[in-house]
Amino acid sequence: MSNALYLDCHAGIAGDMLLSALVDIGANPKEIENELKKLPLEHFSLHFNKVLKQGINAMTLKIDVEESHHHRKANDIFEMIECSNLAPRVKSRSKAIFTTIGQAEAKIHGMSFDDVHFHEVGAMDSIIDIIGGCIALEQLGIDVVYCSPIPTGNGKIQIAHGLYPIPAPATAEILKGIPLANLDVQSELTTPTGAAFAKCLATSFGAFPANTMSNIGYGAGNKDFDFPNVLRVIQFEITNQQFVTDQVQIIECQIDDMTAEMLGDFMESTLEQGVLDIFYTPIIMKKHRPATQVTVICKINDKTRIEDYLLTHTTSLGVRSYSVNRRILQRENRNIKTVYGNISVKLAFKNNELIKIKPEFDHIKQIAKENNITTQAVYQQVTKSIVEQFNI
C-alpha cells in the first residue's frame, strides 16, 4: 500500500493554503517549524489557527518574520537546501518546485536561469511555504499526489513589475499543459508557488480517483468570497497496482539540415539530460526533402528545460509540445542467478501478476564481451535461467 493525496483546488491553490491543509490533516506544526529553523533563515515563527470560511472550518497560517532582504538567486536557495540535513525527498521536491518557478521567471524576463532573482518567491514566506510544505508531505508519508483541474481567477494583480492580468506571468507559464477549471472570480486564486506544487508533484489531473477517503483537511486562503476559499486535501491509500497512469510531455521538431553524425551526437546528449526517451522518424518535408522528425518524451516539469535544449542544440527554429496521458505496467528490477553470475532483469506486473520478464541487454553485452562469446548465446542461457526460476 502507498499513501496518496488528492488536491481539490476548487478555489485555487497557494503555498500557504497547502501547508495549512497539510497541518489540518495531521502534519505536526511544531516539528515543521523546528525543521525549518535548522536552515540559515532569518528569525521567524509560524502560527496555525482555525478560521471559518463560508461555514467551512479550515486551518490558516500566519508567519511572523524579521527579514533582511527579499531577493535571492536560485543557487542561493539550492545551496541552502542541499547543505541542510532535510530528508532526501524533501530536498528533491523543494528543489524541483524552485526550479519550475525559476525556469518560468527566466523565460518571462529573457534571462538565464542562473541570473533569476526570485523576488516575492525568494522571500521568506514563500521559502517557508515551499520547504515547509515538502516537510509536511514527508511527515505524512505522502508517496503520490493527484490534483483537480485548477482555476486561476480573473482581473488584474499588482506584481513586482507593475499591474498585470491574472494569471500572473509566472503562474501562467507554470500552468502550461495543466488542465484549468473555470471560476469567474475577479481575484487571483492560484499563485506561482501553488501552481509549482501542483506541476511538480501531481502525477495526474482530474476527478478524485475511485477509492476510499481516509482523511480530509482544509487550508484557508486569505481572501473572502461568496464561496469557501479553501484548498481541500484528501488522503487515501492505493495499492501498487494502481500506479498505472501519469502524464508526460511530447516535444517534436522536424529537421532537414543536420548530418547523421550530428543527429547521433544529439540523441546521446539529450539522453544525458534525463529525458524518458528520444527517437527519430524518417519523413518527407516540403519540396520533397528527406528529413527527420525528432520526438522527445520527458517529464511534465522538465518541459521548458528540454524545449530550450532542443532549440539550442538543433537547427530547428521551433518545437511542438503537448502533454499526453500514458498507462504503464508496475515494474521492478531484480538480480537472478545464472551460470555467468548475477544478471539484472526487469519484471513487469499487471494487477500484481507477473506478465513480462526481460534481461537488461547492456548487462548481456558486457558478459558476452568478458567471456568472448556471442550475445545470442548469453541471452539464450539467461532466458533458460529465467524460465527455471520463475516457472514460466
Protein backbone atom coordinates (compact mmCIF):
# COMPACT_ATOMS: atom_id res chain seq x y z
CA MET A 1 0.00 0.00 0.00
CA SER A 2 1.13 3.56 -0.70
CA ASN A 3 0.00 6.83 0.83
CA ALA A 4 -1.66 9.22 -1.62
CA LEU A 5 -3.03 12.77 -1.51
CA TYR A 6 -5.60 14.49 -3.71
CA LEU A 7 -5.52 18.28 -4.07
CA ASP A 8 -9.07 19.57 -4.56
CA CYS A 9 -8.33 23.05 -5.93
CA HIS A 10 -11.93 24.22 -6.41
CA ALA A 11 -10.87 27.69 -5.14
CA GLY A 12 -7.33 27.61 -6.50
CA ILE A 13 -4.09 26.79 -4.72
CA ALA A 14 -1.37 28.76 -2.92
CA GLY A 15 1.63 27.64 -0.92
CA ASP A 16 0.24 28.75 2.44
CA MET A 17 -3.11 27.09 1.71
CA LEU A 18 -1.40 23.76 1.03
CA LEU A 19 0.82 23.94 4.11
CA SER A 20 -2.20 24.85 6.27
CA ALA A 21 -4.24 21.98 4.80
CA LEU A 22 -1.43 19.51 5.47
CA VAL A 23 -1.30 20.62 9.10
CA ASP A 24 -5.10 20.30 9.28
CA ILE A 25 -4.83 16.73 8.02
CA GLY A 26 -2.25 15.77 10.64
CA ALA A 27 1.22 17.18 9.95
CA ASN A 28 2.92 18.41 13.14
CA PRO A 29 3.31 22.23 13.01
CA LYS A 30 5.95 22.38 15.74
CA GLU A 31 8.13 19.79 14.02
CA ILE A 32 7.75 21.66 10.72
CA GLU A 33 8.92 24.87 12.36
CA ASN A 34 11.84 23.12 14.07
CA GLU A 35 12.99 21.59 10.78
CA LEU A 36 12.78 24.96 9.02
CA LYS A 37 14.77 26.65 11.78
CA LYS A 38 17.70 24.36 11.01
CA LEU A 39 18.07 26.33 7.76
CA PRO A 40 20.06 29.61 7.58
CA LEU A 41 16.96 31.81 7.60
CA GLU A 42 16.02 35.00 9.39
CA HIS A 43 14.13 34.64 12.66
CA PHE A 44 10.51 33.60 12.16
CA SER A 45 7.59 31.90 13.86
CA LEU A 46 4.58 30.04 12.45
CA HIS A 47 1.05 30.45 13.80
CA PHE A 48 -1.62 27.97 12.67
CA ASN A 49 -5.19 28.74 13.68
CA LYS A 50 -8.70 27.66 12.74
CA VAL A 51 -10.96 30.04 10.81
CA LEU A 52 -14.43 29.76 9.28
CA LYS A 53 -14.63 30.24 5.51
CA GLN A 54 -18.29 30.33 4.44
CA GLY A 55 -19.11 27.72 7.05
CA ILE A 56 -16.03 25.52 6.47
CA ASN A 57 -13.71 25.15 9.47
CA ALA A 58 -10.26 25.47 7.89
CA MET A 59 -6.67 25.93 9.02
CA THR A 60 -4.89 29.20 8.31
CA LEU A 61 -1.24 30.23 8.57
CA LYS A 62 0.33 33.49 9.72
CA ILE A 63 4.10 33.94 9.51
CA ASP A 64 5.92 36.41 11.73
CA VAL A 65 9.33 37.10 10.23
CA GLU A 66 12.21 39.53 10.57
CA GLU A 67 13.51 39.63 7.01
CA SER A 68 16.68 41.42 5.99
CA HIS A 69 16.34 41.07 2.20
CA HIS A 70 13.79 39.84 -0.32
CA HIS A 71 15.91 38.89 -3.33
CA ARG A 72 17.68 35.54 -3.56
CA LYS A 73 19.14 33.76 -6.58
CA ALA A 74 18.31 30.17 -7.43
CA ASN A 75 21.77 28.95 -6.49
CA ASP A 76 21.47 30.57 -3.06
CA ILE A 77 18.29 28.65 -2.33
CA PHE A 78 19.59 25.38 -3.80
CA GLU A 79 22.77 25.61 -1.74
CA MET A 80 20.73 26.27 1.40
CA ILE A 81 18.60 23.19 0.72
CA GLU A 82 21.46 20.91 -0.34
CA CYS A 83 23.65 21.78 2.67
CA SER A 84 20.81 21.08 5.12
CA ASN A 85 20.02 17.80 6.86
CA LEU A 86 16.49 17.70 5.45
CA ALA A 87 15.19 14.32 4.28
CA PRO A 88 16.29 13.42 0.71
CA ARG A 89 12.73 13.54 -0.65
CA VAL A 90 12.14 16.93 0.99
CA LYS A 91 15.27 18.23 -0.73
CA SER A 92 14.38 16.85 -4.15
CA ARG A 93 10.78 18.04 -4.02
CA SER A 94 11.76 21.52 -2.79
CA LYS A 95 14.42 21.94 -5.47
CA ALA A 96 12.02 20.77 -8.18
CA ILE A 97 9.47 23.40 -7.16
CA PHE A 98 12.03 26.21 -7.04
CA THR A 99 13.44 25.03 -10.40
CA THR A 100 10.00 25.19 -12.01
CA ILE A 101 9.39 28.71 -10.72
CA GLY A 102 12.89 29.82 -11.71
CA GLN A 103 12.55 28.45 -15.24
CA ALA A 104 9.26 30.29 -15.64
CA GLU A 105 10.78 33.57 -14.43
CA ALA A 106 13.81 33.11 -16.70
CA LYS A 107 11.65 32.62 -19.78
CA ILE A 108 9.37 35.56 -18.95
CA HIS A 109 12.23 38.00 -18.37
CA GLY A 110 14.51 36.72 -21.14
CA MET A 111 17.43 35.75 -18.95
CA SER A 112 19.33 32.64 -17.94
CA PHE A 113 18.13 30.53 -15.03
CA ASP A 114 21.28 31.34 -13.02
CA ASP A 115 20.56 35.08 -13.23
CA VAL A 116 16.98 34.87 -11.95
CA HIS A 117 16.22 36.72 -8.73
CA PHE A 118 13.20 35.17 -7.10
CA HIS A 119 11.70 38.47 -5.89
CA GLU A 120 8.49 37.63 -3.99
CA VAL A 121 9.05 33.89 -4.40
CA GLY A 122 12.52 34.17 -2.87
CA ALA A 123 11.11 35.99 0.15
CA MET A 124 10.82 34.22 3.46
CA ASP A 125 7.10 33.50 3.26
CA SER A 126 7.46 31.56 0.03
CA ILE A 127 10.58 29.70 1.19
CA ILE A 128 8.67 28.61 4.28
CA ASP A 129 5.60 27.64 2.24
CA ILE A 130 7.59 25.54 -0.24
CA ILE A 131 10.08 23.80 2.03
CA GLY A 132 7.56 23.61 4.88
CA GLY A 133 5.00 22.04 2.56
CA CYS A 134 7.52 19.40 1.46
CA ILE A 135 8.41 18.70 5.10
CA ALA A 136 4.71 18.24 5.89
CA LEU A 137 4.26 15.85 2.95
CA GLU A 138 7.19 13.81 4.27
CA GLN A 139 5.75 13.76 7.79
CA LEU A 140 2.51 12.37 6.40
CA GLY A 141 4.40 9.85 4.27
CA ILE A 142 2.77 11.01 1.03
CA ASP A 143 4.17 8.98 -1.88
CA VAL A 144 1.96 10.16 -4.74
CA VAL A 145 -0.13 13.28 -5.38
CA TYR A 146 -3.18 13.73 -7.61
CA CYS A 147 -4.78 17.09 -8.42
CA SER A 148 -8.03 18.52 -9.74
CA PRO A 149 -8.16 21.00 -12.65
CA ILE A 150 -7.04 24.40 -11.36
CA PRO A 151 -8.89 27.75 -11.55
CA THR A 152 -6.72 30.85 -11.84
CA GLY A 153 -9.27 33.65 -11.30
CA ASN A 154 -9.68 36.79 -13.41
CA GLY A 155 -8.97 40.51 -13.23
CA LYS A 156 -5.60 42.16 -12.59
CA ILE A 157 -2.95 41.93 -9.91
CA GLN A 158 -0.09 44.17 -8.76
CA ILE A 159 3.23 42.32 -9.15
CA ALA A 160 6.85 43.44 -8.82
CA HIS A 161 6.81 44.67 -12.44
CA GLY A 162 3.51 46.52 -12.33
CA LEU A 163 -0.19 45.83 -12.90
CA TYR A 164 -0.78 42.64 -14.87
CA PRO A 165 -3.71 40.41 -15.87
CA ILE A 166 -4.49 37.27 -13.89
CA PRO A 167 -3.00 34.70 -14.06
CA ALA A 168 0.30 36.39 -13.30
CA PRO A 169 3.02 35.71 -15.91
CA ALA A 170 4.89 33.13 -13.82
CA THR A 171 1.66 31.36 -12.86
CA ALA A 172 0.54 31.18 -16.48
CA GLU A 173 3.90 29.82 -17.64
CA ILE A 174 3.93 27.14 -14.94
CA LEU A 175 0.36 26.05 -15.67
CA LYS A 176 1.02 25.35 -19.36
CA GLY A 177 -0.03 21.79 -20.09
CA ILE A 178 -2.16 21.53 -16.93
CA PRO A 179 -5.99 21.35 -17.10
CA LEU A 180 -7.62 24.57 -15.89
CA ALA A 181 -11.05 24.98 -14.31
CA ASN A 182 -13.43 27.87 -14.98
CA LEU A 183 -14.31 30.02 -11.94
CA ASP A 184 -15.31 33.58 -12.82
CA VAL A 185 -13.89 35.48 -9.83
CA GLN A 186 -12.20 38.89 -10.07
CA SER A 187 -9.23 37.86 -7.94
CA GLU A 188 -6.04 35.79 -8.05
CA LEU A 189 -6.91 32.24 -6.97
CA THR A 190 -3.68 30.45 -7.86
CA THR A 191 -0.18 31.74 -7.09
CA PRO A 192 3.12 30.73 -8.73
CA THR A 193 4.03 28.73 -5.62
CA GLY A 194 0.73 26.87 -5.61
CA ALA A 195 0.95 26.22 -9.35
CA ALA A 196 4.51 24.89 -8.99
CA PHE A 197 3.46 22.50 -6.20
CA ALA A 198 0.80 21.03 -8.49
CA LYS A 199 3.05 20.98 -11.57
CA CYS A 200 5.97 19.23 -9.84
CA LEU A 201 4.22 16.81 -7.51
CA ALA A 202 0.96 15.76 -9.17
CA THR A 203 1.18 12.64 -11.32
CA SER A 204 -2.21 13.27 -12.95
CA PHE A 205 -5.02 15.85 -13.06
CA GLY A 206 -8.73 15.12 -12.96
CA ALA A 207 -11.53 14.00 -10.66
CA PHE A 208 -10.81 12.20 -7.41
CA PRO A 209 -9.77 8.64 -8.32
CA ALA A 210 -12.21 5.88 -7.42
CA ASN A 211 -11.02 5.00 -3.93
CA THR A 212 -11.76 5.22 -0.21
CA MET A 213 -11.02 8.52 1.56
CA SER A 214 -9.21 8.12 4.90
CA ASN A 215 -8.65 11.73 5.98
CA ILE A 216 -9.65 15.25 4.84
CA GLY A 217 -8.10 18.62 5.65
CA TYR A 218 -8.82 22.25 4.69
CA GLY A 219 -6.36 25.09 4.19
CA ALA A 220 -7.79 28.61 4.14
CA GLY A 221 -6.91 31.39 1.72
CA ASN A 222 -6.56 34.99 2.92
CA LYS A 223 -9.47 36.43 0.90
CA ASP A 224 -13.21 36.06 1.47
CA PHE A 225 -15.68 35.27 -1.31
CA ASP A 226 -19.26 34.06 -1.57
CA PHE A 227 -17.88 30.50 -1.62
CA PRO A 228 -15.42 28.73 0.73
CA ASN A 229 -11.95 29.98 -0.15
CA VAL A 230 -10.23 26.77 0.91
CA LEU A 231 -7.98 24.11 -0.52
CA ARG A 232 -9.27 20.66 0.37
CA VAL A 233 -6.76 17.81 0.61
CA ILE A 234 -7.93 14.21 0.71
CA GLN A 235 -5.69 11.42 1.96
CA PHE A 236 -6.18 7.83 0.83
CA GLU A 237 -4.27 4.61 0.27
CA ILE A 238 -3.65 2.91 -3.04
CA THR A 239 -2.15 -0.43 -3.93
CA ASN A 240 0.92 -0.55 -6.14
CA GLN A 241 -1.15 -1.93 -9.00
CA GLN A 242 -2.89 1.45 -9.23
CA PHE A 243 0.33 3.19 -10.30
CA VAL A 244 -0.66 2.75 -13.93
CA THR A 245 -1.32 6.25 -15.30
CA ASP A 246 0.53 9.53 -15.41
CA GLN A 247 1.23 12.39 -17.81
CA VAL A 248 4.34 13.02 -19.87
CA GLN A 249 5.38 15.76 -22.28
CA ILE A 250 5.92 15.13 -26.00
CA ILE A 251 8.27 17.58 -27.74
CA GLU A 252 8.75 17.38 -31.52
CA CYS A 253 10.52 19.14 -34.34
CA GLN A 254 11.42 18.40 -37.99
CA ILE A 255 14.99 18.68 -39.26
CA ASP A 256 16.37 18.50 -42.81
CA ASP A 257 19.78 20.16 -42.37
CA MET A 258 21.68 18.16 -39.74
CA THR A 259 24.08 15.35 -40.66
CA ALA A 260 23.73 11.79 -39.37
CA GLU A 261 26.75 12.34 -37.13
CA MET A 262 25.14 15.44 -35.62
CA LEU A 263 21.84 13.65 -35.03
CA GLY A 264 23.61 10.72 -33.38
CA ASP A 265 25.50 13.05 -31.05
CA PHE A 266 22.33 14.99 -30.26
CA MET A 267 20.48 11.80 -29.28
CA GLU A 268 23.25 10.82 -26.86
CA SER A 269 23.45 14.27 -25.29
CA THR A 270 19.65 14.51 -24.95
CA LEU A 271 19.50 11.17 -23.11
CA GLU A 272 22.09 12.61 -20.70
CA GLN A 273 19.60 15.40 -19.94
CA GLY A 274 17.36 12.86 -18.18
CA VAL A 275 14.59 12.56 -20.78
CA LEU A 276 12.40 9.46 -20.71
CA ASP A 277 13.00 8.64 -24.39
CA ILE A 278 14.03 10.10 -27.74
CA PHE A 279 13.53 8.64 -31.21
CA TYR A 280 13.85 9.63 -34.87
CA THR A 281 11.31 9.06 -37.65
CA PRO A 282 12.24 9.43 -41.36
CA ILE A 283 9.80 11.79 -43.11
CA ILE A 284 9.40 13.73 -46.35
CA MET A 285 9.05 17.50 -45.89
CA LYS A 286 8.02 20.25 -48.30
CA LYS A 287 9.94 20.45 -51.58
CA HIS A 288 10.16 16.62 -51.33
CA ARG A 289 13.14 16.77 -48.99
CA PRO A 290 14.02 13.68 -46.93
CA ALA A 291 14.13 14.74 -43.29
CA THR A 292 13.96 13.52 -39.71
CA GLN A 293 11.26 14.06 -37.11
CA VAL A 294 12.76 14.30 -33.64
CA THR A 295 10.45 13.16 -30.84
CA VAL A 296 11.43 13.56 -27.20
CA ILE A 297 9.42 12.25 -24.24
CA CYS A 298 10.11 13.87 -20.87
CA LYS A 299 8.53 14.54 -17.51
CA ILE A 300 5.97 17.36 -17.35
CA ASN A 301 8.12 19.52 -15.08
CA ASP A 302 11.11 19.20 -17.47
CA LYS A 303 9.10 20.67 -20.36
CA THR A 304 10.63 24.15 -20.54
CA ARG A 305 14.19 22.96 -19.98
CA ILE A 306 14.03 20.29 -22.71
CA GLU A 307 12.28 22.64 -25.17
CA ASP A 308 15.12 25.13 -24.65
CA TYR A 309 17.66 22.32 -25.11
CA LEU A 310 16.19 21.29 -28.47
CA LEU A 311 16.06 24.87 -29.73
CA THR A 312 19.68 25.45 -28.66
CA HIS A 313 21.27 22.20 -29.86
CA THR A 314 19.44 21.53 -33.13
CA THR A 315 18.94 23.61 -36.28
CA SER A 316 15.18 23.73 -35.70
CA LEU A 317 13.57 27.16 -35.42
CA GLY A 318 10.64 25.88 -33.34
CA VAL A 319 9.21 22.91 -31.49
CA ARG A 320 5.74 21.46 -30.89
CA SER A 321 4.98 20.48 -27.32
CA TYR A 322 1.97 18.81 -25.74
CA SER A 323 1.15 16.66 -22.71
CA VAL A 324 -0.33 13.18 -23.05
CA ASN A 325 -1.63 10.52 -20.70
CA ARG A 326 0.16 7.21 -20.53
CA ARG A 327 -0.56 3.88 -18.87
CA ILE A 328 2.39 1.88 -17.58
CA LEU A 329 2.86 -1.51 -16.00
CA GLN A 330 4.24 -1.76 -12.50
CA ARG A 331 7.94 -2.52 -12.89
CA GLU A 332 10.69 -3.94 -10.72
CA ASN A 333 14.40 -4.58 -11.28
CA ARG A 334 15.86 -7.74 -9.79
CA ASN A 335 19.07 -9.79 -9.99
CA ILE A 336 18.84 -13.50 -10.85
CA LYS A 337 21.49 -16.23 -10.66
CA THR A 338 22.87 -17.64 -13.93
CA VAL A 339 25.96 -19.59 -14.98
CA TYR A 340 27.54 -16.21 -15.68
CA GLY A 341 26.78 -14.86 -12.21
CA ASN A 342 24.03 -12.42 -11.25
CA ILE A 343 22.16 -10.83 -14.15
CA SER A 344 19.86 -7.81 -13.89
CA VAL A 345 16.33 -8.40 -15.20
CA LYS A 346 13.27 -6.18 -15.43
CA LEU A 347 9.92 -7.57 -14.24
CA ALA A 348 6.54 -6.15 -15.28
CA PHE A 349 3.29 -6.72 -13.38
CA LYS A 350 -0.38 -6.20 -14.18
CA ASN A 351 -2.75 -6.30 -11.20
CA ASN A 352 0.14 -7.75 -9.18
CA GLU A 353 0.51 -10.62 -11.68
CA LEU A 354 3.93 -11.08 -13.26
CA ILE A 355 3.41 -10.95 -17.05
CA LYS A 356 6.80 -9.99 -18.53
CA ILE A 357 10.48 -10.62 -17.74
CA LYS A 358 13.34 -9.17 -19.74
CA PRO A 359 17.10 -9.20 -19.09
CA GLU A 360 18.97 -5.91 -19.29
CA PHE A 361 20.68 -6.07 -22.68
CA ASP A 362 23.62 -3.88 -21.64
CA HIS A 363 24.44 -6.48 -18.99
CA ILE A 364 24.14 -9.23 -21.63
CA LYS A 365 26.60 -7.41 -23.90
CA GLN A 366 29.06 -6.89 -21.04
CA ILE A 367 29.06 -10.62 -20.15
CA ALA A 368 29.42 -11.64 -23.80
CA LYS A 369 32.45 -9.40 -24.17
CA GLU A 370 34.05 -10.60 -20.93
CA ASN A 371 33.58 -14.27 -21.93
CA ASN A 372 34.36 -13.81 -25.64
CA ILE A 373 31.06 -15.36 -26.74
CA THR A 374 28.08 -14.08 -28.71
CA THR A 375 25.32 -12.02 -27.14
CA GLN A 376 22.83 -14.54 -28.54
CA ALA A 377 24.46 -17.38 -26.54
CA VAL A 378 24.33 -15.37 -23.33
CA TYR A 379 20.74 -14.28 -23.99
CA GLN A 380 19.59 -17.88 -24.53
CA GLN A 381 21.27 -19.06 -21.33
CA VAL A 382 19.82 -16.19 -19.29
CA THR A 383 16.36 -16.86 -20.75
CA LYS A 384 16.69 -20.50 -19.67
CA SER A 385 17.54 -19.37 -16.11
CA ILE A 386 14.52 -17.05 -16.09
CA VAL A 387 12.19 -19.88 -17.12
CA GLU A 388 13.58 -22.17 -14.40
CA GLN A 389 13.47 -19.61 -11.58
CA PHE A 390 10.07 -18.08 -12.37
CA ASN A 391 8.30 -21.23 -13.63
CA ILE A 392 7.16 -19.66 -16.89
